[in-house]
Amino acid sequence: MPRAATTSDAFNAVAEPRRREILNFLALQERPVGDIVDRLDLEQPSVSKHLRVLREVGLVNVRREGRRMLYRTNAEAIRPLYEWTSTFERFWRHQLRRIKERAEAQVDRGPESDPMHKGDKHDPDTSGN
């Protein structure tokens, strides 16, 4: 089955790591293309291409200020991404809670009860090597 075009929706657009970097950079304030190029160490044509995709799916807005184009994230367009990923938040919280509980139990028992430490006492090498 052919892959969906990157401009078909926000999910496809953010599948590209550089676009996520750009969104992160624009999250706090609007910026001109030159700032994005400098900060992310990308070529200007590449940044422009990524911004075009992000604009087409509505994840960024642009406004003209004199000769400069200023880009900013569109929080409302990002909401569906947030809502979808937040459905998995409880699973991550559960996993992190389990890791924390195991670590705390390990501290309470001491390192000698750690299965990774069992058998650490090595017999001396009697082979002469």
C-alpha atoms as a PDB file:
ATOM      1  CA  MET A   1       0.000   0.000   0.000  1.00  0.00           C
ATOM      2  CA  PRO A   2       1.484   3.400  -0.914  1.00  0.00           C
ATOM      3  CA  ARG A   3       2.386   5.730   1.882  1.00  0.00           C
ATOM      4  CA  ALA A   4       0.172   8.775   2.451  1.00  0.00           C
ATOM      5  CA  ALA A   5       1.519  12.099   1.296  1.00  0.00           C
ATOM      6  CA  THR A   6       3.252  14.129   3.992  1.00  0.00           C
ATOM      7  CA  THR A   7       0.786  16.920   3.347  1.00  0.00           C
ATOM      8  CA  SER A   8      -2.280  14.746   3.835  1.00  0.00           C
ATOM      9  CA  ASP A   9      -2.568  15.354   7.580  1.00  0.00           C
ATOM     10  CA  ALA A  10      -0.707  16.467  10.690  1.00  0.00           C
ATOM     11  CA  PHE A  11       0.284  12.925  11.645  1.00  0.00           C
ATOM     12  CA  ASN A  12       2.081  12.333   8.364  1.00  0.00           C
ATOM     13  CA  ALA A  13       3.691  15.756   8.512  1.00  0.00           C
ATOM     14  CA  VAL A  14       5.203  15.207  11.962  1.00  0.00           C
ATOM     15  CA  ALA A  15       6.487  11.770  11.028  1.00  0.00           C
ATOM     16  CA  GLU A  16       9.571  13.576   9.714  1.00  0.00           C
ATOM     17  CA  PRO A  17      11.994  14.330  12.597  1.00  0.00           C
ATOM     18  CA  ARG A  18      13.166  17.686  11.189  1.00  0.00           C
ATOM     19  CA  ARG A  19       9.590  18.942  11.115  1.00  0.00           C
ATOM     20  CA  ARG A  20       9.181  18.006  14.758  1.00  0.00           C
ATOM     21  CA  GLU A  21      12.379  19.924  15.526  1.00  0.00           C
ATOM     22  CA  ILE A  22      10.989  22.958  13.732  1.00  0.00           C
ATOM     23  CA  LEU A  23       7.702  22.718  15.642  1.00  0.00           C
ATOM     24  CA  ASN A  24       9.589  22.464  18.922  1.00  0.00           C
ATOM     25  CA  PHE A  25      11.668  25.499  18.045  1.00  0.00           C
ATOM     26  CA  LEU A  26       8.582  27.516  17.111  1.00  0.00           C
ATOM     27  CA  ALA A  27       6.636  26.423  20.195  1.00  0.00           C
ATOM     28  CA  LEU A  28       7.717  29.328  22.386  1.00  0.00           C
ATOM     29  CA  GLN A  29       7.631  32.210  19.924  1.00  0.00           C
ATOM     30  CA  GLU A  30       7.300  33.057  16.281  1.00  0.00           C
ATOM     31  CA  ARG A  31      10.494  33.197  14.292  1.00  0.00           C
ATOM     32  CA  PRO A  32      11.769  34.026  10.831  1.00  0.00           C
ATOM     33  CA  VAL A  33      13.191  31.328   8.558  1.00  0.00           C
ATOM     34  CA  GLY A  34      16.743  32.567   9.164  1.00  0.00           C
ATOM     35  CA  ASP A  35      16.468  31.859  12.900  1.00  0.00           C
ATOM     36  CA  ILE A  36      15.274  28.328  12.191  1.00  0.00           C
ATOM     37  CA  VAL A  37      18.121  27.765   9.725  1.00  0.00           C
ATOM     38  CA  ASP A  38      20.713  29.028  12.216  1.00  0.00           C
ATOM     39  CA  ARG A  39      19.367  27.291  15.284  1.00  0.00           C
ATOM     40  CA  LEU A  40      18.737  23.877  13.729  1.00  0.00           C
ATOM     41  CA  ASP A  41      21.771  24.006  11.428  1.00  0.00           C
ATOM     42  CA  LEU A  42      19.730  23.179   8.343  1.00  0.00           C
ATOM     43  CA  GLU A  43      19.921  24.517   4.817  1.00  0.00           C
ATOM     44  CA  GLN A  44      17.446  27.305   4.019  1.00  0.00           C
ATOM     45  CA  PRO A  45      15.765  25.429   1.117  1.00  0.00           C
ATOM     46  CA  SER A  46      15.196  22.443   3.392  1.00  0.00           C
ATOM     47  CA  VAL A  47      13.654  24.605   6.121  1.00  0.00           C
ATOM     48  CA  SER A  48      11.410  26.314   3.575  1.00  0.00           C
ATOM     49  CA  LYS A  49      10.254  22.940   2.252  1.00  0.00           C
ATOM     50  CA  HIS A  50       9.454  21.676   5.759  1.00  0.00           C
ATOM     51  CA  LEU A  51       7.655  24.898   6.644  1.00  0.00           C
ATOM     52  CA  ARG A  52       5.561  24.601   3.482  1.00  0.00           C
ATOM     53  CA  VAL A  53       4.441  21.113   4.514  1.00  0.00           C
ATOM     54  CA  LEU A  54       3.696  22.263   8.058  1.00  0.00           C
ATOM     55  CA  ARG A  55       1.719  25.223   6.700  1.00  0.00           C
ATOM     56  CA  GLU A  56      -0.274  23.073   4.287  1.00  0.00           C
ATOM     57  CA  VAL A  57      -1.483  20.817   7.094  1.00  0.00           C
ATOM     58  CA  GLY A  58      -2.101  23.817   9.336  1.00  0.00           C
ATOM     59  CA  LEU A  59       0.494  23.109  12.024  1.00  0.00           C
ATOM     60  CA  VAL A  60       2.196  26.480  11.548  1.00  0.00           C
ATOM     61  CA  ASN A  61       0.885  29.913  10.690  1.00  0.00           C
ATOM     62  CA  VAL A  62       2.818  32.610   8.913  1.00  0.00           C
ATOM     63  CA  ARG A  63       2.520  36.374   8.957  1.00  0.00           C
ATOM     64  CA  ARG A  64       4.403  39.024   7.051  1.00  0.00           C
ATOM     65  CA  GLU A  65       6.240  41.767   8.901  1.00  0.00           C
ATOM     66  CA  GLY A  66       7.788  44.036   6.326  1.00  0.00           C
ATOM     67  CA  ARG A  67       9.935  41.786   4.172  1.00  0.00           C
ATOM     68  CA  ARG A  68      10.175  39.042   6.798  1.00  0.00           C
ATOM     69  CA  MET A  69       7.905  36.047   7.110  1.00  0.00           C
ATOM     70  CA  LEU A  70       7.351  34.999  10.721  1.00  0.00           C
ATOM     71  CA  TYR A  71       6.278  31.462  11.551  1.00  0.00           C
ATOM     72  CA  ARG A  72       4.592  30.168  14.677  1.00  0.00           C
ATOM     73  CA  THR A  73       2.922  26.951  15.754  1.00  0.00           C
ATOM     74  CA  ASN A  74      -0.823  26.652  15.502  1.00  0.00           C
ATOM     75  CA  ALA A  75      -1.789  25.199  18.872  1.00  0.00           C
ATOM     76  CA  GLU A  76      -5.324  24.317  17.782  1.00  0.00           C
ATOM     77  CA  ALA A  77      -4.026  22.248  14.861  1.00  0.00           C
ATOM     78  CA  ILE A  78      -1.621  20.432  17.180  1.00  0.00           C
ATOM     79  CA  ARG A  79      -4.439  19.500  19.579  1.00  0.00           C
ATOM     80  CA  PRO A  80      -5.397  16.277  17.716  1.00  0.00           C
ATOM     81  CA  LEU A  81      -1.773  15.107  17.953  1.00  0.00           C
ATOM     82  CA  TYR A  82      -1.736  15.823  21.659  1.00  0.00           C
ATOM     83  CA  GLU A  83      -5.087  14.151  22.272  1.00  0.00           C
ATOM     84  CA  TRP A  84      -4.069  11.025  20.385  1.00  0.00           C
ATOM     85  CA  THR A  85      -0.716  10.680  22.154  1.00  0.00           C
ATOM     86  CA  SER A  86      -2.243  11.446  25.543  1.00  0.00           C
ATOM     87  CA  THR A  87      -4.377   8.301  25.229  1.00  0.00           C
ATOM     88  CA  PHE A  88      -1.131   6.387  25.739  1.00  0.00           C
ATOM     89  CA  GLU A  89       0.017   8.472  28.693  1.00  0.00           C
ATOM     90  CA  ARG A  90      -1.559   6.134  31.226  1.00  0.00           C
ATOM     91  CA  PHE A  91       0.435   3.229  29.799  1.00  0.00           C
ATOM     92  CA  TRP A  92       3.687   5.168  30.138  1.00  0.00           C
ATOM     93  CA  ARG A  93       2.807   6.266  33.652  1.00  0.00           C
ATOM     94  CA  HIS A  94       2.079   2.635  34.546  1.00  0.00           C
ATOM     95  CA  GLN A  95       5.426   1.500  33.124  1.00  0.00           C
ATOM     96  CA  LEU A  96       7.332   4.259  34.921  1.00  0.00           C
ATOM     97  CA  ARG A  97       5.547   3.446  38.178  1.00  0.00           C
ATOM     98  CA  ARG A  98       6.562  -0.234  37.811  1.00  0.00           C
ATOM     99  CA  ILE A  99      10.182   0.715  37.154  1.00  0.00           C
ATOM    100  CA  LYS A 100      10.172   2.993  40.201  1.00  0.00           C
ATOM    101  CA  GLU A 101       8.649   0.280  42.398  1.00  0.00           C
ATOM    102  CA  ARG A 102      11.240  -2.267  41.251  1.00  0.00           C
ATOM    103  CA  ALA A 103      14.086   0.167  41.880  1.00  0.00           C
ATOM    104  CA  GLU A 104      12.780   1.016  45.355  1.00  0.00           C
ATOM    105  CA  ALA A 105      12.315  -2.662  46.190  1.00  0.00           C
ATOM    106  CA  GLN A 106      15.854  -3.337  45.020  1.00  0.00           C
ATOM    107  CA  VAL A 107      17.229  -0.622  47.295  1.00  0.00           C
ATOM    108  CA  ASP A 108      15.268  -2.068  50.231  1.00  0.00           C
ATOM    109  CA  ARG A 109      16.614  -5.602  49.585  1.00  0.00           C
ATOM    110  CA  GLY A 110      20.186  -4.588  48.900  1.00  0.00           C
ATOM    111  CA  PRO A 111      22.443  -5.356  45.919  1.00  0.00           C
ATOM    112  CA  GLU A 112      23.057  -8.987  46.897  1.00  0.00           C
ATOM    113  CA  SER A 113      19.462  -9.851  46.010  1.00  0.00           C
ATOM    114  CA  ASP A 114      19.866  -8.406  42.499  1.00  0.00           C
ATOM    115  CA  PRO A 115      19.788 -11.268  39.969  1.00  0.00           C
ATOM    116  CA  MET A 116      22.306  -9.349  37.862  1.00  0.00           C
ATOM    117  CA  HIS A 117      24.880  -9.620  40.676  1.00  0.00           C
ATOM    118  CA  LYS A 118      24.465 -13.352  41.224  1.00  0.00           C
ATOM    119  CA  GLY A 119      27.444 -15.284  40.039  1.00  0.00           C
ATOM    120  CA  ASP A 120      29.654 -12.214  39.984  1.00  0.00           C
ATOM    121  CA  LYS A 121      32.249 -14.013  42.057  1.00  0.00           C
ATOM    122  CA  HIS A 122      34.507 -15.418  39.403  1.00  0.00           C
ATOM    123  CA  ASP A 123      36.753 -18.377  39.936  1.00  0.00           C
ATOM    124  CA  PRO A 124      40.348 -17.554  39.220  1.00  0.00           C
ATOM    125  CA  ASP A 125      41.478 -18.516  35.779  1.00  0.00           C
ATOM    126  CA  THR A 126      43.324 -21.783  36.287  1.00  0.00           C
ATOM    127  CA  SER A 127      44.005 -22.327  32.608  1.00  0.00           C
ATOM    128  CA  GLY A 128      47.211 -20.327  32.760  1.00  0.00           C
ATOM    129  CA  ASN A 129      45.981 -17.738  30.238  1.00  0.00           C
END
